[in-house]
C-alpha atoms as a PDB file:
ATOM      1  CA  UNK A   1     101.720 106.611 108.242  1.00  0.00           C
ATOM      2  CA  UNK A   2      99.088 108.694 110.046  1.00  0.00           C
ATOM      3  CA  UNK A   3      98.115 108.879 113.713  1.00  0.00           C
ATOM      4  CA  UNK A   4      94.582 109.174 114.992  1.00  0.00           C
ATOM      5  CA  UNK A   5      93.973 110.687 118.387  1.00  0.00           C
ATOM      6  CA  UNK A   6      90.223 111.450 118.500  1.00  0.00           C
ATOM      7  CA  UNK A   7      87.130 109.350 117.776  1.00  0.00           C
ATOM      8  CA  UNK A   8      83.549 110.496 118.145  1.00  0.00           C
ATOM      9  CA  UNK A   9      80.154 109.516 116.659  1.00  0.00           C
ATOM     10  CA  UNK A  10      77.064 111.435 115.775  1.00  0.00           C
ATOM     11  CA  UNK A  11      73.607 109.813 115.672  1.00  0.00           C
ATOM     12  CA  UNK A  12      70.240 111.388 115.229  1.00  0.00           C
ATOM     13  CA  UNK A  13      69.580 113.188 112.051  1.00  0.00           C
ATOM     14  CA  UNK A  14      69.702 116.735 113.363  1.00  0.00           C
ATOM     15  CA  UNK A  15      73.260 118.046 113.056  1.00  0.00           C
ATOM     16  CA  UNK A  16      72.744 119.968 116.297  1.00  0.00           C
ATOM     17  CA  UNK A  17      71.548 117.189 118.625  1.00  0.00           C
ATOM     18  CA  UNK A  18      73.961 114.546 119.886  1.00  0.00           C
ATOM     19  CA  UNK A  19      73.020 111.634 122.106  1.00  0.00           C
ATOM     20  CA  UNK A  20      75.217 110.120 124.789  1.00  0.00           C
ATOM     21  CA  UNK A  21      74.558 106.436 124.054  1.00  0.00           C
ATOM     22  CA  UNK A  22      77.446 105.774 121.635  1.00  0.00           C
ATOM     23  CA  UNK A  23      80.705 105.184 123.487  1.00  0.00           C
ATOM     24  CA  UNK A  24      83.037 103.658 120.909  1.00  0.00           C
ATOM     25  CA  UNK A  25      83.677 103.375 117.168  1.00  0.00           C
ATOM     26  CA  UNK A  26      86.322 100.939 115.996  1.00  0.00           C
ATOM     27  CA  UNK A  27      88.279 101.657 113.918  1.00  0.00           C
ATOM     28  CA  UNK A  28      87.783 105.379 114.313  1.00  0.00           C
ATOM     29  CA  UNK A  29      89.570 106.465 111.132  1.00  0.00           C
ATOM     30  CA  UNK A  30      89.988 105.566 107.485  1.00  0.00           C
ATOM     31  CA  UNK A  31      91.822 106.725 104.393  1.00  0.00           C
ATOM     32  CA  UNK A  32      90.358 108.296 101.288  1.00  0.00           C
ATOM     33  CA  UNK A  33      89.420 105.488  98.897  1.00  0.00           C
ATOM     34  CA  UNK A  34      89.400 102.880 101.669  1.00  0.00           C
ATOM     35  CA  UNK A  35      86.636 100.403 102.484  1.00  0.00           C
ATOM     36  CA  UNK A  36      86.511  99.301 106.093  1.00  0.00           C
ATOM     37  CA  UNK A  37      84.259  97.500 108.578  1.00  0.00           C
ATOM     38  CA  UNK A  38      83.404  99.451 111.716  1.00  0.00           C
ATOM     39  CA  UNK A  39      81.791  98.471 115.009  1.00  0.00           C
ATOM     40  CA  UNK A  40      79.575 100.970 116.845  1.00  0.00           C
ATOM     41  CA  UNK A  41      78.962 100.222 120.514  1.00  0.00           C
ATOM     42  CA  UNK A  42      77.387 101.988 123.440  1.00  0.00           C
ATOM     43  CA  UNK A  43      75.214 101.778 126.521  1.00  0.00           C
ATOM     44  CA  UNK A  44      71.405 101.670 126.615  1.00  0.00           C
ATOM     45  CA  UNK A  45      71.271 102.079 122.825  1.00  0.00           C
ATOM     46  CA  UNK A  46      68.469  99.508 122.380  1.00  0.00           C
ATOM     47  CA  UNK A  47      69.443  98.449 118.874  1.00  0.00           C
ATOM     48  CA  UNK A  48      67.078  95.858 117.448  1.00  0.00           C
ATOM     49  CA  UNK A  49      67.342  92.894 115.099  1.00  0.00           C
ATOM     50  CA  UNK A  50      64.071  93.955 113.465  1.00  0.00           C
ATOM     51  CA  UNK A  51      64.221  96.018 110.253  1.00  0.00           C
ATOM     52  CA  UNK A  52      67.112  97.732 108.507  1.00  0.00           C
ATOM     53  CA  UNK A  53      69.427 100.397 109.862  1.00  0.00           C
ATOM     54  CA  UNK A  54      71.128 103.505 108.564  1.00  0.00           C
ATOM     55  CA  UNK A  55      74.587 104.901 109.303  1.00  0.00           C
ATOM     56  CA  UNK A  56      75.760 108.283 108.018  1.00  0.00           C
ATOM     57  CA  UNK A  57      79.003 110.212 108.519  1.00  0.00           C
ATOM     58  CA  UNK A  58      78.756 113.965 108.044  1.00  0.00           C
ATOM     59  CA  UNK A  59      81.136 116.892 107.785  1.00  0.00           C
ATOM     60  CA  UNK A  60      79.263 120.093 106.944  1.00  0.00           C
ATOM     61  CA  UNK A  61      77.159 119.334 103.875  1.00  0.00           C
ATOM     62  CA  UNK A  62      79.286 116.310 102.867  1.00  0.00           C
ATOM     63  CA  UNK A  63      77.892 112.884 103.788  1.00  0.00           C
ATOM     64  CA  UNK A  64      79.210 109.323 103.622  1.00  0.00           C
ATOM     65  CA  UNK A  65      76.559 106.607 103.814  1.00  0.00           C
ATOM     66  CA  UNK A  66      77.261 102.986 104.712  1.00  0.00           C
ATOM     67  CA  UNK A  67      75.828  99.899 103.112  1.00  0.00           C
ATOM     68  CA  UNK A  68      74.035  97.336 105.265  1.00  0.00           C
ATOM     69  CA  UNK A  69      74.057  97.925 109.011  1.00  0.00           C
ATOM     70  CA  UNK A  70      74.337  94.592 110.845  1.00  0.00           C
ATOM     71  CA  UNK A  71      72.750  93.941 114.241  1.00  0.00           C
ATOM     72  CA  UNK A  72      75.173  92.350 116.737  1.00  0.00           C
ATOM     73  CA  UNK A  73      73.300  92.933 119.997  1.00  0.00           C
ATOM     74  CA  UNK A  74      71.235  95.662 121.653  1.00  0.00           C
ATOM     75  CA  UNK A  75      74.368  97.715 122.309  1.00  0.00           C
ATOM     76  CA  UNK A  76      76.451  96.942 119.210  1.00  0.00           C
ATOM     77  CA  UNK A  77      76.137  97.318 115.434  1.00  0.00           C
ATOM     78  CA  UNK A  78      78.441  96.557 112.528  1.00  0.00           C
ATOM     79  CA  UNK A  79      78.660  98.374 109.197  1.00  0.00           C
ATOM     80  CA  UNK A  80      80.861  98.662 106.126  1.00  0.00           C
ATOM     81  CA  UNK A  81      81.935 102.170 105.115  1.00  0.00           C
ATOM     82  CA  UNK A  82      83.476 103.122 101.759  1.00  0.00           C
ATOM     83  CA  UNK A  83      85.241 106.495 101.875  1.00  0.00           C
ATOM     84  CA  UNK A  84      85.216 108.373  98.538  1.00  0.00           C
ATOM     85  CA  UNK A  85      88.535 109.538  97.104  1.00  0.00           C
ATOM     86  CA  UNK A  86      87.257 113.129  97.183  1.00  0.00           C
ATOM     87  CA  UNK A  87      85.979 113.069 100.778  1.00  0.00           C
ATOM     88  CA  UNK A  88      87.080 116.132 102.793  1.00  0.00           C
ATOM     89  CA  UNK A  89      89.775 115.346 105.338  1.00  0.00           C
ATOM     90  CA  UNK A  90      89.166 115.676 109.061  1.00  0.00           C
ATOM     91  CA  UNK A  91      86.637 114.709 111.713  1.00  0.00           C
ATOM     92  CA  UNK A  92      83.110 113.523 110.922  1.00  0.00           C
ATOM     93  CA  UNK A  93      79.974 113.223 113.019  1.00  0.00           C
ATOM     94  CA  UNK A  94      78.287 109.826 113.067  1.00  0.00           C
ATOM     95  CA  UNK A  95      74.523 109.213 112.983  1.00  0.00           C
ATOM     96  CA  UNK A  96      72.912 105.801 113.445  1.00  0.00           C
ATOM     97  CA  UNK A  97      69.215 104.997 113.163  1.00  0.00           C
ATOM     98  CA  UNK A  98      68.463 101.371 114.056  1.00  0.00           C
ATOM     99  CA  UNK A  99      65.608 100.677 116.427  1.00  0.00           C
ATOM    100  CA  UNK A 100      66.373 104.054 118.002  1.00  0.00           C
ATOM    101  CA  UNK A 101      68.447 107.019 116.881  1.00  0.00           C
ATOM    102  CA  UNK A 102      71.873 107.893 118.296  1.00  0.00           C
ATOM    103  CA  UNK A 103      74.763 110.145 117.433  1.00  0.00           C
ATOM    104  CA  UNK A 104      78.265 111.053 118.498  1.00  0.00           C
ATOM    105  CA  UNK A 105      80.111 114.170 117.354  1.00  0.00           C
ATOM    106  CA  UNK A 106      83.612 114.200 115.842  1.00  0.00           C
ATOM    107  CA  UNK A 107      83.883 110.433 116.146  1.00  0.00           C
ATOM    108  CA  UNK A 108      85.460 109.373 112.860  1.00  0.00           C
ATOM    109  CA  UNK A 109      88.443 110.810 111.013  1.00  0.00           C
ATOM    110  CA  UNK A 110      89.054 110.723 107.256  1.00  0.00           C
ATOM    111  CA  UNK A 111      92.753 110.936 106.423  1.00  0.00           C
ATOM    112  CA  UNK A 112      94.888 111.298 103.337  1.00  0.00           C
ATOM    113  CA  UNK A 113      96.375 107.982 104.328  1.00  0.00           C
ATOM    114  CA  UNK A 114      99.596 106.168 103.626  1.00  0.00           C
ATOM    115  CA  UNK A 115      99.683 103.553 100.877  1.00  0.00           C
ATOM    116  CA  UNK A 116     102.418 101.152 101.922  1.00  0.00           C
ATOM    117  CA  UNK A 117     103.176  99.791  98.469  1.00  0.00           C
ATOM    118  CA  UNK A 118     106.266  97.956  99.730  1.00  0.00           C
ATOM    119  CA  UNK A 119     104.154  95.935 102.200  1.00  0.00           C
ATOM    120  CA  UNK A 120     104.223  92.230 101.378  1.00  0.00           C
ATOM    121  CA  UNK A 121     101.953  89.327 102.302  1.00  0.00           C
ATOM    122  CA  UNK A 122     102.994  85.664 101.960  1.00  0.00           C
ATOM    123  CA  UNK A 123     101.149  83.911 100.498  1.00  0.00           C
ATOM    124  CA  UNK A 124      99.767  86.843  98.530  1.00  0.00           C
ATOM    125  CA  UNK A 125      96.413  85.244  97.775  1.00  0.00           C
ATOM    126  CA  UNK A 126      94.014  82.358  98.096  1.00  0.00           C
ATOM    127  CA  UNK A 127      91.140  80.517  96.501  1.00  0.00           C
ATOM    128  CA  UNK A 128      87.674  81.191  97.980  1.00  0.00           C
ATOM    129  CA  UNK A 129      86.480  78.944 100.826  1.00  0.00           C
ATOM    130  CA  UNK A 130      89.970  78.428 102.259  1.00  0.00           C
ATOM    131  CA  UNK A 131      91.474  78.746 105.740  1.00  0.00           C
ATOM    132  CA  UNK A 132      95.041  80.054 105.729  1.00  0.00           C
ATOM    133  CA  UNK A 133      97.332  79.693 108.736  1.00  0.00           C
ATOM    134  CA  UNK A 134     100.446  81.711 109.552  1.00  0.00           C
ATOM    135  CA  UNK A 135     100.042  84.249 106.757  1.00  0.00           C
ATOM    136  CA  UNK A 136     103.021  86.618 107.130  1.00  0.00           C
ATOM    137  CA  UNK A 137     102.571  90.397 106.800  1.00  0.00           C
ATOM    138  CA  UNK A 138     105.735  92.479 106.377  1.00  0.00           C
ATOM    139  CA  UNK A 139     105.087  96.226 106.817  1.00  0.00           C
ATOM    140  CA  UNK A 140     108.203  98.414 106.420  1.00  0.00           C
ATOM    141  CA  UNK A 141     107.984 101.528 108.589  1.00  0.00           C
ATOM    142  CA  UNK A 142     105.674  99.963 111.178  1.00  0.00           C
ATOM    143  CA  UNK A 143     106.449  99.830 114.900  1.00  0.00           C
ATOM    144  CA  UNK A 144     104.306  96.968 116.095  1.00  0.00           C
ATOM    145  CA  UNK A 145     106.566  96.326 119.104  1.00  0.00           C
ATOM    146  CA  UNK A 146     107.267  99.843 120.335  1.00  0.00           C
ATOM    147  CA  UNK A 147     106.149 100.960 123.780  1.00  0.00           C
ATOM    148  CA  UNK A 148     103.218 103.032 122.508  1.00  0.00           C
ATOM    149  CA  UNK A 149     101.724 100.808 119.811  1.00  0.00           C
ATOM    150  CA  UNK A 150     102.573  97.398 121.268  1.00  0.00           C
ATOM    151  CA  UNK A 151     100.314  95.496 118.936  1.00  0.00           C
ATOM    152  CA  UNK A 152      97.730  95.484 116.178  1.00  0.00           C
ATOM    153  CA  UNK A 153      94.172  96.719 116.569  1.00  0.00           C
ATOM    154  CA  UNK A 154      92.603  95.462 113.335  1.00  0.00           C
ATOM    155  CA  UNK A 155      93.389  93.765 110.016  1.00  0.00           C
ATOM    156  CA  UNK A 156      91.021  93.330 107.073  1.00  0.00           C
ATOM    157  CA  UNK A 157      90.828  92.951 103.288  1.00  0.00           C
ATOM    158  CA  UNK A 158      88.628  95.218 101.165  1.00  0.00           C
ATOM    159  CA  UNK A 159      87.427  95.478  97.561  1.00  0.00           C
ATOM    160  CA  UNK A 160      84.651  97.636  96.062  1.00  0.00           C
ATOM    161  CA  UNK A 161      82.495  97.969  99.155  1.00  0.00           C
ATOM    162  CA  UNK A 162      83.156  94.464 100.504  1.00  0.00           C
ATOM    163  CA  UNK A 163      85.378  93.434 103.406  1.00  0.00           C
ATOM    164  CA  UNK A 164      86.874  90.259 104.843  1.00  0.00           C
ATOM    165  CA  UNK A 165      87.632  90.645 108.546  1.00  0.00           C
ATOM    166  CA  UNK A 166      87.832  86.967 109.527  1.00  0.00           C
ATOM    167  CA  UNK A 167      91.503  87.371 110.473  1.00  0.00           C
ATOM    168  CA  UNK A 168      92.607  85.997 113.844  1.00  0.00           C
ATOM    169  CA  UNK A 169      95.483  84.612 115.938  1.00  0.00           C
ATOM    170  CA  UNK A 170      97.694  87.639 115.285  1.00  0.00           C
ATOM    171  CA  UNK A 171     101.269  87.003 116.392  1.00  0.00           C
ATOM    172  CA  UNK A 172     103.784  89.879 116.413  1.00  0.00           C
ATOM    173  CA  UNK A 173     107.085  88.584 115.007  1.00  0.00           C
ATOM    174  CA  UNK A 174     109.057  91.845 114.954  1.00  0.00           C
ATOM    175  CA  UNK A 175     108.513  95.610 114.836  1.00  0.00           C
ATOM    176  CA  UNK A 176     107.526  95.363 111.152  1.00  0.00           C
ATOM    177  CA  UNK A 177     106.229  91.820 110.801  1.00  0.00           C
ATOM    178  CA  UNK A 178     103.363  89.694 112.126  1.00  0.00           C
ATOM    179  CA  UNK A 179     101.520  86.513 111.227  1.00  0.00           C
ATOM    180  CA  UNK A 180      97.811  85.708 111.323  1.00  0.00           C
ATOM    181  CA  UNK A 181      95.225  83.151 110.285  1.00  0.00           C
ATOM    182  CA  UNK A 182      92.672  84.079 107.600  1.00  0.00           C
ATOM    183  CA  UNK A 183      89.344  82.547 106.599  1.00  0.00           C
ATOM    184  CA  UNK A 184      88.382  83.341 102.987  1.00  0.00           C
ATOM    185  CA  UNK A 185      84.580  83.003 102.599  1.00  0.00           C
ATOM    186  CA  UNK A 186      83.141  80.752  99.917  1.00  0.00           C
ATOM    187  CA  UNK A 187      81.356  83.741  98.354  1.00  0.00           C
ATOM    188  CA  UNK A 188      84.395  86.069  98.424  1.00  0.00           C
ATOM    189  CA  UNK A 189      84.572  88.263  95.321  1.00  0.00           C
ATOM    190  CA  UNK A 190      87.371  87.228  92.961  1.00  0.00           C
ATOM    191  CA  UNK A 191      89.921  89.928  92.249  1.00  0.00           C
ATOM    192  CA  UNK A 192      92.783  91.789  93.888  1.00  0.00           C
ATOM    193  CA  UNK A 193      91.915  93.045  97.381  1.00  0.00           C
ATOM    194  CA  UNK A 194      93.451  95.879  99.407  1.00  0.00           C
ATOM    195  CA  UNK A 195      95.130  94.967 102.711  1.00  0.00           C
ATOM    196  CA  UNK A 196      94.340  97.255 105.675  1.00  0.00           C
ATOM    197  CA  UNK A 197      96.111  97.337 109.055  1.00  0.00           C
ATOM    198  CA  UNK A 198      95.568  99.549 112.114  1.00  0.00           C
ATOM    199  CA  UNK A 199      97.972  99.282 115.048  1.00  0.00           C
ATOM    200  CA  UNK A 200      97.149 100.026 118.676  1.00  0.00           C
ATOM    201  CA  UNK A 201      98.606 103.521 118.331  1.00  0.00           C
ATOM    202  CA  UNK A 202      96.111 104.418 115.585  1.00  0.00           C
ATOM    203  CA  UNK A 203      98.610 104.225 112.713  1.00  0.00           C
ATOM    204  CA  UNK A 204      96.973 103.057 109.478  1.00  0.00           C
ATOM    205  CA  UNK A 205      98.726 101.021 106.772  1.00  0.00           C
ATOM    206  CA  UNK A 206      97.187 100.175 103.400  1.00  0.00           C
ATOM    207  CA  UNK A 207      98.507  97.969 100.623  1.00  0.00           C
ATOM    208  CA  UNK A 208      96.545  98.571  97.429  1.00  0.00           C
ATOM    209  CA  UNK A 209      95.982  95.424  95.331  1.00  0.00           C
ATOM    210  CA  UNK A 210      97.912  93.360  97.857  1.00  0.00           C
ATOM    211  CA  UNK A 211      95.985  90.068  97.994  1.00  0.00           C
ATOM    212  CA  UNK A 212      94.538  88.024  95.116  1.00  0.00           C
ATOM    213  CA  UNK A 213      91.425  85.866  95.515  1.00  0.00           C
ATOM    214  CA  UNK A 214      90.962  83.599  92.519  1.00  0.00           C
ATOM    215  CA  UNK A 215      89.637  80.128  91.846  1.00  0.00           C
ATOM    216  CA  UNK A 216      92.862  79.521  89.885  1.00  0.00           C
ATOM    217  CA  UNK A 217      95.174  80.677  92.678  1.00  0.00           C
ATOM    218  CA  UNK A 218      98.179  78.456  93.360  1.00  0.00           C
ATOM    219  CA  UNK A 219     100.205  78.945  96.547  1.00  0.00           C
ATOM    220  CA  UNK A 220     103.272  77.577  94.777  1.00  0.00           C
ATOM    221  CA  UNK A 221     103.076  80.278  92.116  1.00  0.00           C
ATOM    222  CA  UNK A 222     102.619  82.998  94.734  1.00  0.00           C
ATOM    223  CA  UNK A 223     105.155  81.989  97.377  1.00  0.00           C
ATOM    224  CA  UNK A 224     106.763  85.324  96.492  1.00  0.00           C
ATOM    225  CA  UNK A 225     104.350  88.205  95.771  1.00  0.00           C
ATOM    226  CA  UNK A 226     104.236  88.835  92.022  1.00  0.00           C
ATOM    227  CA  UNK A 227     102.820  92.345  92.351  1.00  0.00           C
ATOM    228  CA  UNK A 228     106.084  93.830  93.663  1.00  0.00           C
ATOM    229  CA  UNK A 229     108.123  95.658  91.022  1.00  0.00           C
ATOM    230  CA  UNK A 230     110.215  98.802  90.476  1.00  0.00           C
ATOM    231  CA  UNK A 231     110.099 101.180  87.522  1.00  0.00           C
ATOM    232  CA  UNK A 232     113.229 102.865  86.210  1.00  0.00           C
ATOM    233  CA  UNK A 233     114.199 105.287  84.895  1.00  0.00           C
ATOM    234  CA  UNK A 234     111.277 107.448  85.925  1.00  0.00           C
ATOM    235  CA  UNK A 235     110.886 109.823  84.141  1.00  0.00           C
ATOM    236  CA  UNK A 236     111.733 107.784  81.034  1.00  0.00           C
ATOM    237  CA  UNK A 237     112.690 108.975  77.545  1.00  0.00           C
ATOM    238  CA  UNK A 238     113.034 105.944  75.280  1.00  0.00           C
ATOM    239  CA  UNK A 239     112.918 102.802  77.437  1.00  0.00           C
ATOM    240  CA  UNK A 240     111.430 102.009  80.834  1.00  0.00           C
ATOM    241  CA  UNK A 241     112.247  98.889  82.842  1.00  0.00           C
ATOM    242  CA  UNK A 242     109.977  96.851  85.108  1.00  0.00           C
ATOM    243  CA  UNK A 243     112.338  95.212  87.615  1.00  0.00           C
ATOM    244  CA  UNK A 244     111.434  92.248  89.847  1.00  0.00           C
ATOM    245  CA  UNK A 245     113.202  90.762  92.865  1.00  0.00           C
ATOM    246  CA  UNK A 246     112.095  87.278  91.870  1.00  0.00           C
ATOM    247  CA  UNK A 247     111.910  85.211  88.697  1.00  0.00           C
ATOM    248  CA  UNK A 248     109.497  86.432  86.030  1.00  0.00           C
ATOM    249  CA  UNK A 249     106.528  84.101  85.490  1.00  0.00           C
ATOM    250  CA  UNK A 250     105.677  83.179  81.906  1.00  0.00           C
ATOM    251  CA  UNK A 251     102.125  84.548  82.201  1.00  0.00           C
ATOM    252  CA  UNK A 252     103.256  88.004  83.376  1.00  0.00           C
ATOM    253  CA  UNK A 253     102.592  90.920  81.020  1.00  0.00           C
ATOM    254  CA  UNK A 254     102.391  94.715  81.191  1.00  0.00           C
ATOM    255  CA  UNK A 255     100.031  97.361  79.876  1.00  0.00           C
ATOM    256  CA  UNK A 256     100.572 101.112  79.504  1.00  0.00           C
ATOM    257  CA  UNK A 257      97.474 103.249  80.064  1.00  0.00           C
ATOM    258  CA  UNK A 258      97.087 107.014  79.713  1.00  0.00           C
ATOM    259  CA  UNK A 259      95.403 109.004  82.479  1.00  0.00           C
ATOM    260  CA  UNK A 260      92.225 109.257  80.368  1.00  0.00           C
ATOM    261  CA  UNK A 261      92.009 105.454  80.230  1.00  0.00           C
ATOM    262  CA  UNK A 262      93.406 104.835  76.734  1.00  0.00           C
ATOM    263  CA  UNK A 263      95.539 101.706  76.335  1.00  0.00           C
ATOM    264  CA  UNK A 264      98.774 102.589  74.559  1.00  0.00           C
ATOM    265  CA  UNK A 265     100.477 100.301  72.083  1.00  0.00           C
ATOM    266  CA  UNK A 266     104.065  99.660  73.228  1.00  0.00           C
ATOM    267  CA  UNK A 267     106.551  96.923  72.421  1.00  0.00           C
ATOM    268  CA  UNK A 268     108.270  95.197  75.299  1.00  0.00           C
ATOM    269  CA  UNK A 269     110.740  92.382  75.889  1.00  0.00           C
ATOM    270  CA  UNK A 270     110.793  89.996  78.874  1.00  0.00           C
ATOM    271  CA  UNK A 271     114.331  89.364  80.128  1.00  0.00           C
ATOM    272  CA  UNK A 272     114.038  86.247  82.277  1.00  0.00           C
ATOM    273  CA  UNK A 273     117.752  86.238  83.123  1.00  0.00           C
ATOM    274  CA  UNK A 274     117.796  89.775  84.572  1.00  0.00           C
ATOM    275  CA  UNK A 275     114.275  89.483  86.042  1.00  0.00           C
ATOM    276  CA  UNK A 276     112.860  92.451  84.191  1.00  0.00           C
ATOM    277  CA  UNK A 277     110.609  93.646  81.384  1.00  0.00           C
ATOM    278  CA  UNK A 278     111.979  96.299  79.021  1.00  0.00           C
ATOM    279  CA  UNK A 279     109.425  98.497  77.240  1.00  0.00           C
ATOM    280  CA  UNK A 280     110.023 100.871  74.314  1.00  0.00           C
ATOM    281  CA  UNK A 281     108.137 104.108  75.061  1.00  0.00           C
ATOM    282  CA  UNK A 282     109.937 106.539  72.742  1.00  0.00           C
ATOM    283  CA  UNK A 283     106.875 106.944  70.468  1.00  0.00           C
ATOM    284  CA  UNK A 284     104.550 107.962  73.291  1.00  0.00           C
ATOM    285  CA  UNK A 285     103.683 111.670  73.681  1.00  0.00           C
ATOM    286  CA  UNK A 286     105.229 113.315  76.726  1.00  0.00           C
ATOM    287  CA  UNK A 287     103.054 113.090  79.812  1.00  0.00           C
ATOM    288  CA  UNK A 288     102.015 110.912  82.756  1.00  0.00           C
ATOM    289  CA  UNK A 289     101.018 107.257  82.300  1.00  0.00           C
ATOM    290  CA  UNK A 290     100.112 104.184  84.320  1.00  0.00           C
ATOM    291  CA  UNK A 291     102.075 100.941  84.141  1.00  0.00           C
ATOM    292  CA  UNK A 292      99.877  97.922  84.892  1.00  0.00           C
ATOM    293  CA  UNK A 293     101.295  94.539  85.818  1.00  0.00           C
ATOM    294  CA  UNK A 294      99.048  91.695  84.628  1.00  0.00           C
ATOM    295  CA  UNK A 295      99.136  88.003  85.529  1.00  0.00           C
ATOM    296  CA  UNK A 296      96.802  85.544  83.791  1.00  0.00           C
ATOM    297  CA  UNK A 297      94.488  88.362  82.798  1.00  0.00           C
ATOM    298  CA  UNK A 298      94.288  89.961  86.290  1.00  0.00           C
ATOM    299  CA  UNK A 299      95.751  93.414  86.992  1.00  0.00           C
ATOM    300  CA  UNK A 300      97.937  92.895  90.053  1.00  0.00           C
ATOM    301  CA  UNK A 301      99.392  96.355  90.517  1.00  0.00           C
ATOM    302  CA  UNK A 302      99.517  99.793  88.924  1.00  0.00           C
ATOM    303  CA  UNK A 303     102.226 102.445  89.177  1.00  0.00           C
ATOM    304  CA  UNK A 304     102.436 105.960  87.787  1.00  0.00           C
ATOM    305  CA  UNK A 305     105.341 107.078  85.606  1.00  0.00           C
ATOM    306  CA  UNK A 306     106.319 109.963  83.350  1.00  0.00           C
ATOM    307  CA  UNK A 307     107.343 109.982  79.678  1.00  0.00           C
ATOM    308  CA  UNK A 308     109.746 112.903  79.389  1.00  0.00           C
END
């Protein structure tokens, strides 16, 4: 969990000239590898609905460019930013050219980020073109009801440069839990989306591969998230176990992948009684591997482990 205290934006394509028009960027921070929608607002910015726009974040010689910049009104723009995994950490200047050119220094922060892999969402997915009510988000380690945070600033889903931010009616249930309504667009990309949460104190929570959008999605099948599992022992010598807290579905399978992308051939046994999968890894060379959990052909989650 990371805290963000400063937000600034830089517009105008000279790194030495900063305008005063931009007053706010929301959210003002993101994690490496994260895709997020941001809103840029200001006074007397004179943005226009005519033509395309450009948004760039800069830190020294490193730049992060957005995709499409969306006109909201003359003083507000929207954009989607994808932060590379190798982006330098720290504050970035923000430049926007849309109708006119504006900038704000040190307005956006790139962080290492906290992947909250034990976050859960129920239901953990949807078909496209659906409206979900009272989706429950459980975020261990959060403090949504403390005196400083006292709420949630933003919630969105992201996958490969796309975002879904049609999430509304947020209701804080406890310090670590809230509910919300979600509208899944008809053209939403199928696949497993990341879940992103920012509270009012600037703390950022990310659940990688936390929400499945599929035309074959069934709420009944996903009443309990299937992508939650534990690996033990880790490191492993001869056998490694994939342990679930819920019953194992018949279409669940696993795949072991080396760090160079090679799929390894391992034998495994599904123990429905003990809610686990037991894999024989004694023939694998020593090293680091990825364990992928697969359901009906879709990779739901990936965890790193070591063959000792």
